[in-house]
C-alpha atoms as a PDB file:
ATOM      1  CA  MET A   1     102.104 121.697 172.039  1.00  0.00           C
ATOM      2  CA  SER A   2      99.927 118.837 170.859  1.00  0.00           C
ATOM      3  CA  ARG A   3      97.153 117.162 172.804  1.00  0.00           C
ATOM      4  CA  THR A   4      97.923 113.435 173.223  1.00  0.00           C
ATOM      5  CA  ILE A   5      95.161 110.955 172.308  1.00  0.00           C
ATOM      6  CA  LYS A   6      95.878 107.281 173.107  1.00  0.00           C
ATOM      7  CA  ARG A   7      94.414 104.650 170.838  1.00  0.00           C
ATOM      8  CA  TYR A   8      93.850 101.347 172.559  1.00  0.00           C
ATOM      9  CA  ASP A   9      93.727  97.906 170.941  1.00  0.00           C
ATOM     10  CA  ASN A  10      89.979  98.007 171.130  1.00  0.00           C
ATOM     11  CA  ARG A  11      90.133 101.044 168.908  1.00  0.00           C
ATOM     12  CA  LYS A  12      88.926 103.367 171.711  1.00  0.00           C
ATOM     13  CA  LEU A  13      90.451 106.853 171.857  1.00  0.00           C
ATOM     14  CA  TYR A  14      91.464 108.301 175.209  1.00  0.00           C
ATOM     15  CA  ASP A  15      92.134 111.971 175.696  1.00  0.00           C
ATOM     16  CA  THR A  16      94.938 112.182 178.225  1.00  0.00           C
ATOM     17  CA  GLU A  17      94.416 115.935 178.932  1.00  0.00           C
ATOM     18  CA  ALA A  18      90.681 115.534 179.584  1.00  0.00           C
ATOM     19  CA  SER A  19      91.093 112.081 181.147  1.00  0.00           C
ATOM     20  CA  CYS A  20      88.155 110.608 179.271  1.00  0.00           C
ATOM     21  CA  TYR A  21      87.330 108.573 176.097  1.00  0.00           C
ATOM     22  CA  VAL A  22      86.506 110.528 173.036  1.00  0.00           C
ATOM     23  CA  SER A  23      84.865 109.633 169.725  1.00  0.00           C
ATOM     24  CA  GLN A  24      86.094 110.395 166.287  1.00  0.00           C
ATOM     25  CA  LYS A  25      83.536 113.202 166.133  1.00  0.00           C
ATOM     26  CA  ASP A  26      84.937 114.673 169.458  1.00  0.00           C
ATOM     27  CA  LEU A  27      88.400 114.469 167.974  1.00  0.00           C
ATOM     28  CA  ALA A  28      87.307 116.311 164.819  1.00  0.00           C
ATOM     29  CA  GLU A  29      85.784 119.093 166.960  1.00  0.00           C
ATOM     30  CA  LEU A  30      88.993 119.436 168.959  1.00  0.00           C
ATOM     31  CA  VAL A  31      90.870 119.937 165.698  1.00  0.00           C
ATOM     32  CA  ARG A  32      88.233 122.375 164.443  1.00  0.00           C
ATOM     33  CA  ALA A  33      88.570 124.419 167.652  1.00  0.00           C
ATOM     34  CA  GLY A  34      92.251 124.800 166.854  1.00  0.00           C
ATOM     35  CA  GLU A  35      93.798 121.982 168.970  1.00  0.00           C
ATOM     36  CA  THR A  36      96.777 120.052 167.510  1.00  0.00           C
ATOM     37  CA  VAL A  37      96.289 116.457 168.302  1.00  0.00           C
ATOM     38  CA  GLU A  38      98.704 113.500 168.333  1.00  0.00           C
ATOM     39  CA  VAL A  39      97.204 110.024 168.241  1.00  0.00           C
ATOM     40  CA  VAL A  40      99.507 107.350 169.469  1.00  0.00           C
ATOM     41  CA  ASP A  41      99.045 103.560 169.829  1.00  0.00           C
ATOM     42  CA  ASN A  42      98.972 102.808 173.553  1.00  0.00           C
ATOM     43  CA  SER A  43     100.810  99.527 173.052  1.00  0.00           C
ATOM     44  CA  THR A  44     103.585 100.452 170.709  1.00  0.00           C
ATOM     45  CA  GLY A  45     103.783 104.246 170.887  1.00  0.00           C
ATOM     46  CA  GLU A  46     103.429 104.455 167.106  1.00  0.00           C
ATOM     47  CA  ASP A  47     102.099 107.641 165.657  1.00  0.00           C
ATOM     48  CA  LEU A  48      98.641 107.135 164.260  1.00  0.00           C
ATOM     49  CA  THR A  49      97.725 110.672 163.786  1.00  0.00           C
ATOM     50  CA  ALA A  50      97.689 110.737 159.910  1.00  0.00           C
ATOM     51  CA  GLN A  51      95.729 107.557 159.660  1.00  0.00           C
ATOM     52  CA  THR A  52      93.117 108.678 162.283  1.00  0.00           C
ATOM     53  CA  LEU A  53      92.538 112.059 160.894  1.00  0.00           C
ATOM     54  CA  THR A  54      92.316 110.532 157.307  1.00  0.00           C
ATOM     55  CA  GLN A  55      89.671 108.054 158.631  1.00  0.00           C
ATOM     56  CA  ILE A  56      87.670 110.964 160.198  1.00  0.00           C
ATOM     57  CA  ILE A  57      87.766 112.872 156.840  1.00  0.00           C
ATOM     58  CA  LEU A  58      86.516 109.698 154.993  1.00  0.00           C
ATOM     59  CA  GLU A  59      83.771 109.056 157.553  1.00  0.00           C
ATOM     60  CA  GLU A  60      82.561 112.705 157.354  1.00  0.00           C
ATOM     61  CA  GLY A  61      82.475 112.339 153.602  1.00  0.00           C
ATOM     62  CA  LYS A  62      80.136 109.296 153.942  1.00  0.00           C
ATOM     63  CA  GLU A  63      77.908 111.291 156.318  1.00  0.00           C
ATOM     64  CA  GLY A  64      77.899 114.387 154.210  1.00  0.00           C
ATOM     65  CA  GLY A  65      75.173 113.176 151.877  1.00  0.00           C
ATOM     66  CA  GLY A  66      77.495 112.002 149.031  1.00  0.00           C
ATOM     67  CA  ARG A  67      79.454 115.272 148.848  1.00  0.00           C
ATOM     68  CA  ASP A  68      83.185 114.920 147.906  1.00  0.00           C
ATOM     69  CA  VAL A  69      85.490 115.675 150.742  1.00  0.00           C
ATOM     70  CA  LEU A  70      88.454 115.870 148.295  1.00  0.00           C
ATOM     71  CA  PRO A  71      88.258 116.684 144.671  1.00  0.00           C
ATOM     72  CA  THR A  72      88.388 113.590 142.530  1.00  0.00           C
ATOM     73  CA  GLU A  73      91.167 115.025 140.336  1.00  0.00           C
ATOM     74  CA  LEU A  74      93.382 115.397 143.427  1.00  0.00           C
ATOM     75  CA  LEU A  75      92.660 111.838 144.439  1.00  0.00           C
ATOM     76  CA  HIS A  76      93.658 110.591 140.952  1.00  0.00           C
ATOM     77  CA  ARG A  77      96.890 112.456 141.093  1.00  0.00           C
ATOM     78  CA  LEU A  78      97.707 111.198 144.477  1.00  0.00           C
ATOM     79  CA  LEU A  79      97.176 107.620 143.509  1.00  0.00           C
ATOM     80  CA  ARG A  80      99.203 107.979 140.274  1.00  0.00           C
ATOM     81  CA  ARG A  81     102.125 109.741 142.034  1.00  0.00           C
ATOM     82  CA  GLY A  82     102.291 107.391 145.028  1.00  0.00           C
ATOM     83  CA  GLY A  83     102.474 107.826 148.781  1.00  0.00           C
ATOM     84  CA  THR A  84     104.904 110.823 148.750  1.00  0.00           C
ATOM     85  CA  ALA A  85     102.620 112.918 146.552  1.00  0.00           C
ATOM     86  CA  LEU A  86     100.337 114.106 149.422  1.00  0.00           C
ATOM     87  CA  ASP A  87     103.290 115.260 151.354  1.00  0.00           C
ATOM     88  CA  GLN A  88     104.711 117.091 148.339  1.00  0.00           C
ATOM     89  CA  VAL A  89     101.344 118.702 147.473  1.00  0.00           C
ATOM     90  CA  ILE A  90     100.082 119.567 150.986  1.00  0.00           C
ATOM     91  CA  GLY A  91     102.958 118.950 153.429  1.00  0.00           C
ATOM     92  CA  GLY A  92     105.517 120.978 151.625  1.00  0.00           C
ATOM     93  CA  GLY A  93     103.178 123.905 151.237  1.00  0.00           C
ATOM     94  CA  ALA A  94     102.053 123.622 154.855  1.00  0.00           C
ATOM     95  CA  ARG A  95     105.721 123.706 156.025  1.00  0.00           C
ATOM     96  CA  GLN A  96     106.409 126.685 153.839  1.00  0.00           C
ATOM     97  CA  VAL A  97     103.371 128.474 155.180  1.00  0.00           C
ATOM     98  CA  GLY A  98     104.280 127.578 158.790  1.00  0.00           C
ATOM     99  CA  GLN A  99     107.774 129.005 158.271  1.00  0.00           C
ATOM    100  CA  SER A 100     106.394 132.196 156.735  1.00  0.00           C
ATOM    101  CA  LEU A 101     103.891 132.646 159.526  1.00  0.00           C
ATOM    102  CA  SER A 102     106.768 132.230 162.039  1.00  0.00           C
ATOM    103  CA  GLN A 103     108.919 134.839 160.119  1.00  0.00           C
ATOM    104  CA  VAL A 104     105.998 137.240 160.040  1.00  0.00           C
ATOM    105  CA  LYS A 105     105.284 136.963 163.711  1.00  0.00           C
ATOM    106  CA  SER A 106     108.971 137.394 164.639  1.00  0.00           C
ATOM    107  CA  GLY A 107     109.196 140.306 162.308  1.00  0.00           C
ATOM    108  CA  LEU A 108     106.130 142.015 163.787  1.00  0.00           C
ATOM    109  CA  ASP A 109     107.501 141.379 167.352  1.00  0.00           C
ATOM    110  CA  GLU A 110     110.827 143.058 166.244  1.00  0.00           C
ATOM    111  CA  PHE A 111     108.805 145.900 164.591  1.00  0.00           C
ATOM    112  CA  ALA A 112     106.713 146.527 167.720  1.00  0.00           C
ATOM    113  CA  ARG A 113     109.850 146.515 169.960  1.00  0.00           C
ATOM    114  CA  GLN A 114     111.617 149.002 167.661  1.00  0.00           C
ATOM    115  CA  SER A 115     108.579 151.198 167.311  1.00  0.00           C
ATOM    116  CA  LEU A 116     108.204 151.399 171.062  1.00  0.00           C
ATOM    117  CA  SER A 117     111.874 152.099 171.518  1.00  0.00           C
ATOM    118  CA  HIS A 118     111.692 154.904 168.880  1.00  0.00           C
ATOM    119  CA  LEU A 119     108.588 156.354 170.497  1.00  0.00           C
ATOM    120  CA  ASN A 120     110.355 156.361 173.841  1.00  0.00           C
ATOM    121  CA  ARG A 121     113.254 158.398 172.422  1.00  0.00           C
ATOM    122  CA  LEU A 122     110.944 160.906 170.853  1.00  0.00           C
ATOM    123  CA  THR A 123     108.757 161.341 173.987  1.00  0.00           C
ATOM    124  CA  PRO A 124     110.049 163.884 176.611  1.00  0.00           C
ATOM    125  CA  GLY A 125     111.099 162.010 179.784  1.00  0.00           C
ATOM    126  CA  ALA A 126     111.414 158.790 177.908  1.00  0.00           C
ATOM    127  CA  ALA A 127     114.097 156.196 178.722  1.00  0.00           C
ATOM    128  CA  ALA A 128     117.482 156.835 177.220  1.00  0.00           C
ATOM    129  CA  PRO A 129     118.851 154.524 174.500  1.00  0.00           C
ATOM    130  CA  GLY A 130     120.520 151.513 175.988  1.00  0.00           C
ATOM    131  CA  ASP A 131     118.109 151.173 178.909  1.00  0.00           C
ATOM    132  CA  ASP A 132     117.018 147.651 179.563  1.00  0.00           C
ATOM    133  CA  GLU A 133     113.980 145.967 178.145  1.00  0.00           C
ATOM    134  CA  GLN A 134     112.063 146.218 181.393  1.00  0.00           C
ATOM    135  CA  GLU A 135     112.022 149.933 181.251  1.00  0.00           C
ATOM    136  CA  THR A 136     110.757 149.655 177.603  1.00  0.00           C
ATOM    137  CA  SER A 137     108.021 147.373 178.748  1.00  0.00           C
ATOM    138  CA  ASP A 138     107.081 149.758 181.536  1.00  0.00           C
ATOM    139  CA  ALA A 139     106.935 152.536 178.976  1.00  0.00           C
ATOM    140  CA  ALA A 140     104.701 150.422 176.769  1.00  0.00           C
ATOM    141  CA  ALA A 141     102.360 149.693 179.677  1.00  0.00           C
ATOM    142  CA  ALA A 142     102.089 153.494 180.318  1.00  0.00           C
ATOM    143  CA  ARG A 143     100.825 153.955 176.663  1.00  0.00           C
ATOM    144  CA  PRO A 144      98.100 151.432 176.320  1.00  0.00           C
ATOM    145  CA  GLY A 145      96.585 153.345 173.247  1.00  0.00           C
ATOM    146  CA  GLU A 146      99.875 152.698 171.334  1.00  0.00           C
ATOM    147  CA  VAL A 147     100.002 149.114 172.393  1.00  0.00           C
ATOM    148  CA  ASP A 148      96.370 148.614 171.424  1.00  0.00           C
ATOM    149  CA  ALA A 149      97.064 150.181 168.018  1.00  0.00           C
ATOM    150  CA  LEU A 150     100.017 147.767 167.482  1.00  0.00           C
ATOM    151  CA  ARG A 151      97.840 144.826 168.526  1.00  0.00           C
ATOM    152  CA  GLU A 152      95.160 145.902 166.181  1.00  0.00           C
ATOM    153  CA  GLN A 153      97.658 146.102 163.355  1.00  0.00           C
ATOM    154  CA  LEU A 154      99.067 142.700 164.291  1.00  0.00           C
ATOM    155  CA  THR A 155      95.505 141.313 164.180  1.00  0.00           C
ATOM    156  CA  ARG A 156      94.855 142.754 160.760  1.00  0.00           C
ATOM    157  CA  LEU A 157      98.193 141.368 159.461  1.00  0.00           C
ATOM    158  CA  GLU A 158      97.317 137.904 160.911  1.00  0.00           C
ATOM    159  CA  ALA A 159      93.856 138.000 159.224  1.00  0.00           C
ATOM    160  CA  ARG A 160      95.502 139.032 155.876  1.00  0.00           C
ATOM    161  CA  LEU A 161      98.011 136.283 156.237  1.00  0.00           C
ATOM    162  CA  GLU A 162      95.191 133.768 156.878  1.00  0.00           C
ATOM    163  CA  ASP A 163      93.491 135.068 153.715  1.00  0.00           C
ATOM    164  CA  LEU A 164      96.738 134.475 151.779  1.00  0.00           C
ATOM    165  CA  LEU A 165      97.066 131.005 153.258  1.00  0.00           C
ATOM    166  CA  ASP A 166      93.608 130.153 151.994  1.00  0.00           C
ATOM    167  CA  ARG A 167      94.821 131.086 148.588  1.00  0.00           C
ATOM    168  CA  VAL A 168      97.527 128.445 148.385  1.00  0.00           C
ATOM    169  CA  ASP A 169      96.668 126.233 145.410  1.00  0.00           C
ATOM    170  CA  GLU A 170      96.745 122.483 145.294  1.00  0.00           C
ATOM    171  CA  ASP A 171     100.362 122.436 143.994  1.00  0.00           C
ATOM    172  CA  GLY A 172     101.572 124.186 147.180  1.00  0.00           C
ATOM    173  CA  GLU A 173     102.362 127.518 145.362  1.00  0.00           C
ATOM    174  CA  ARG A 174     100.879 130.801 146.495  1.00  0.00           C
ATOM    175  CA  ARG A 175      98.665 132.591 143.939  1.00  0.00           C
ATOM    176  CA  THR A 176      98.949 136.309 142.926  1.00  0.00           C
ATOM    177  CA  VAL A 177      96.936 138.745 145.044  1.00  0.00           C
ATOM    178  CA  ASP A 178      95.892 142.355 144.457  1.00  0.00           C
ATOM    179  CA  ASP A 179      99.221 143.741 145.591  1.00  0.00           C
ATOM    180  CA  GLY A 180     101.471 141.520 143.565  1.00  0.00           C
ATOM    181  CA  PRO A 181     102.754 137.883 143.405  1.00  0.00           C
ATOM    182  CA  LEU A 182     103.889 136.165 146.434  1.00  0.00           C
ATOM    183  CA  SER A 183     107.195 134.390 146.492  1.00  0.00           C
ATOM    184  CA  THR A 184     107.271 130.719 146.419  1.00  0.00           C
ATOM    185  CA  THR A 185     110.969 130.543 147.230  1.00  0.00           C
ATOM    186  CA  ASP A 186     112.577 129.849 150.623  1.00  0.00           C
ATOM    187  CA  GLU A 187     114.223 133.278 150.605  1.00  0.00           C
ATOM    188  CA  ASP A 188     113.896 135.483 153.700  1.00  0.00           C
ATOM    189  CA  PRO A 189     110.950 137.903 153.019  1.00  0.00           C
ATOM    190  CA  ALA A 190     112.620 140.535 155.344  1.00  0.00           C
ATOM    191  CA  ALA A 191     115.761 140.600 153.149  1.00  0.00           C
ATOM    192  CA  SER A 192     113.699 141.956 150.168  1.00  0.00           C
ATOM    193  CA  SER A 193     112.386 145.068 152.127  1.00  0.00           C
END
């Protein structure tokens, strides 16, 4: 869920969750801390998120001692291709990555559920197949070491996924990594295993 920031006619930003005014620097810190923000015009309800975040990026570039916030080649390409280019370059890749992350998480959840179910069947006195999920959850709670191991594996996989996301090139296609090329199609990764 996104955190709503209202922008007033006097250009002040108001954080509705914290019930206080915030600066652009405060807003940048919220985003860096992992918050998803939505900036809306208080009068019209218009979504001003993209404009506000772009303005913050440009201001940080000015304050950064002349360092370029975005590569000039990318800026040239964006201007040449028009307004939809940024969505194609970044937005399309981000949507694809978001969908992949969602698929990975649901796949890991299913893997953990099936693993615990399989362990229950192999363990003497475990619940019989067909028992409800509450009993499976109770059995998982009785084996904190196994659950911790699965959580650790999930954490490692999430870290690896983050590393892979960092390798997305400026055209929105994922690069080849040590263990082979990553698919850039919309096919279901679970279907290929």
